[in-house]
């Protein structure tokens, strides 16, 4: 069971990277961080 969950997690991670979602998450994180310190 544990191997299946690990494989599912890796598959979903690979799918997200393939779709470019990592870039979207990073840009949103940067925007939120800049708002917190008062620049953005």
C-alpha atoms as a PDB file:
ATOM      1  CA  UNK A   1       0.000   0.000   0.000  1.00  0.00           C
ATOM      2  CA  UNK A   2       2.794   2.367   0.888  1.00  0.00           C
ATOM      3  CA  UNK A   3       4.504   1.885  -2.479  1.00  0.00           C
ATOM      4  CA  UNK A   4       1.293   2.750  -4.290  1.00  0.00           C
ATOM      5  CA  UNK A   5       0.884   6.002  -2.392  1.00  0.00           C
ATOM      6  CA  UNK A   6       4.512   6.896  -3.050  1.00  0.00           C
ATOM      7  CA  UNK A   7       4.102   6.172  -6.755  1.00  0.00           C
ATOM      8  CA  UNK A   8       0.891   8.195  -6.862  1.00  0.00           C
ATOM      9  CA  UNK A   9       2.605  11.141  -5.177  1.00  0.00           C
ATOM     10  CA  UNK A  10       5.536  11.039  -7.585  1.00  0.00           C
ATOM     11  CA  UNK A  11       3.155  10.799 -10.522  1.00  0.00           C
ATOM     12  CA  UNK A  12       1.105  13.767  -9.407  1.00  0.00           C
ATOM     13  CA  UNK A  13       4.248  15.787  -8.733  1.00  0.00           C
ATOM     14  CA  UNK A  14       5.577  14.983 -12.203  1.00  0.00           C
ATOM     15  CA  UNK A  15       2.235  15.929 -13.748  1.00  0.00           C
ATOM     16  CA  UNK A  16       2.235  19.275 -11.961  1.00  0.00           C
ATOM     17  CA  UNK A  17       5.786  20.016 -13.055  1.00  0.00           C
ATOM     18  CA  UNK A  18       4.913  19.074 -16.625  1.00  0.00           C
ATOM     19  CA  UNK A  19       1.974  21.506 -16.609  1.00  0.00           C
ATOM     20  CA  UNK A  20       4.154  24.355 -15.302  1.00  0.00           C
ATOM     21  CA  UNK A  21       2.384  24.695 -11.979  1.00  0.00           C
ATOM     22  CA  UNK A  22       5.649  25.067 -10.067  1.00  0.00           C
ATOM     23  CA  UNK A  23       6.255  28.410 -11.783  1.00  0.00           C
ATOM     24  CA  UNK A  24       2.763  29.625 -10.860  1.00  0.00           C
ATOM     25  CA  UNK A  25       3.219  28.627  -7.217  1.00  0.00           C
ATOM     26  CA  UNK A  26       6.599  30.358  -7.055  1.00  0.00           C
ATOM     27  CA  UNK A  27       5.275  33.578  -8.587  1.00  0.00           C
ATOM     28  CA  UNK A  28       2.342  33.651  -6.155  1.00  0.00           C
ATOM     29  CA  UNK A  29       4.683  33.010  -3.222  1.00  0.00           C
ATOM     30  CA  UNK A  30       6.948  35.874  -4.293  1.00  0.00           C
ATOM     31  CA  UNK A  31       3.948  38.190  -4.664  1.00  0.00           C
ATOM     32  CA  UNK A  32       2.622  37.323  -1.196  1.00  0.00           C
ATOM     33  CA  UNK A  33       6.074  37.747   0.324  1.00  0.00           C
ATOM     34  CA  UNK A  34       6.523  41.176  -1.250  1.00  0.00           C
ATOM     35  CA  UNK A  35       3.080  42.225   0.049  1.00  0.00           C
ATOM     36  CA  UNK A  36       4.061  41.158   3.563  1.00  0.00           C
ATOM     37  CA  UNK A  37       7.099  43.444   3.647  1.00  0.00           C
ATOM     38  CA  UNK A  38       5.204  46.284   2.023  1.00  0.00           C
ATOM     39  CA  UNK A  39       6.865  46.494  -1.402  1.00  0.00           C
ATOM     40  CA  UNK A  40       4.219  44.951  -3.629  1.00  0.00           C
END
